[in-house]
Amino acid sequence: MKDSELEAARKVAAYVAAASELHGLALDDDRRAEVERQFQLLTSMARQFVDIPLPLDIEPAATYRP
């Protein structure tokens, strides 16, 4: 694992620990590890889109209102 991946994993672990404490969730080690794994997966998927440069003249999509 790269240093940047280790740092990201540490940040996710800290986030999960803080969020579970804030919401009063008692996660055992297995559940905490799975939640951390899911957040790391979401982060890696989101990074693919965040890292794409967008043109300066792009406009946001219209807002859907039913």
Protein backbone atom coordinates (compact mmCIF):
# COMPACT_ATOMS: atom_id res chain seq x y z
CA MET A 1 0.00 0.00 0.00
CA LYS A 2 1.30 3.46 -0.90
CA ASP A 3 1.84 6.12 1.75
CA SER A 4 -1.09 8.12 0.37
CA GLU A 5 -3.34 5.04 0.59
CA LEU A 6 -2.22 4.40 4.17
CA GLU A 7 -2.94 8.01 5.09
CA ALA A 8 -6.38 7.78 3.44
CA ALA A 9 -7.08 4.56 5.37
CA ARG A 10 -6.10 6.29 8.63
CA LYS A 11 -8.41 9.20 7.87
CA VAL A 12 -11.29 6.86 7.08
CA ALA A 13 -10.68 4.94 10.31
CA ALA A 14 -10.67 8.19 12.30
CA TYR A 15 -13.85 9.32 10.57
CA VAL A 16 -15.66 6.04 11.25
CA ALA A 17 -14.57 6.11 14.89
CA ALA A 18 -15.73 9.71 15.35
CA ALA A 19 -19.02 9.24 13.50
CA SER A 20 -19.91 6.04 15.35
CA GLU A 21 -19.17 7.73 18.67
CA LEU A 22 -21.17 10.82 17.70
CA HIS A 23 -24.19 8.69 16.79
CA GLY A 24 -23.82 6.33 19.73
CA LEU A 25 -23.14 3.28 17.59
CA ALA A 26 -21.21 0.45 19.16
CA LEU A 27 -19.42 -1.29 16.30
CA ASP A 28 -17.51 -4.48 16.95
CA ASP A 29 -14.16 -4.90 15.21
CA ASP A 30 -15.60 -6.85 12.25
CA ARG A 31 -18.34 -4.31 11.55
CA ARG A 32 -16.01 -1.36 11.97
CA ALA A 33 -13.56 -2.95 9.51
CA GLU A 34 -16.36 -3.50 6.99
CA VAL A 35 -17.63 0.08 7.33
CA GLU A 36 -14.07 1.35 6.82
CA ARG A 37 -13.68 -0.89 3.75
CA GLN A 38 -16.92 0.45 2.26
CA PHE A 39 -15.86 4.07 2.85
CA GLN A 40 -12.49 3.39 1.22
CA LEU A 41 -14.31 1.88 -1.77
CA LEU A 42 -16.61 4.91 -2.04
CA THR A 43 -13.62 7.23 -1.77
CA SER A 44 -11.78 5.45 -4.57
CA MET A 45 -14.86 5.60 -6.82
CA ALA A 46 -15.44 9.29 -6.09
CA ARG A 47 -11.77 10.12 -6.70
CA GLN A 48 -12.13 8.93 -10.31
CA PHE A 49 -14.61 11.75 -10.92
CA VAL A 50 -13.04 14.41 -8.73
CA ASP A 51 -9.71 14.07 -10.53
CA ILE A 52 -11.24 14.73 -13.97
CA PRO A 53 -10.59 18.33 -15.00
CA LEU A 54 -13.75 20.13 -16.10
CA PRO A 55 -13.86 22.88 -18.72
CA LEU A 56 -14.34 26.37 -17.32
CA ASP A 57 -17.41 26.98 -19.48
CA ILE A 58 -19.35 23.92 -18.29
CA GLU A 59 -22.82 24.53 -16.90
CA PRO A 60 -24.57 22.57 -14.16
CA ALA A 61 -27.38 20.22 -15.06
CA ALA A 62 -30.93 21.42 -14.68
CA THR A 63 -32.55 20.79 -11.33
CA TYR A 64 -35.18 18.06 -11.41
CA ARG A 65 -38.47 19.14 -9.90
CA PRO A 66 -41.35 16.66 -10.18
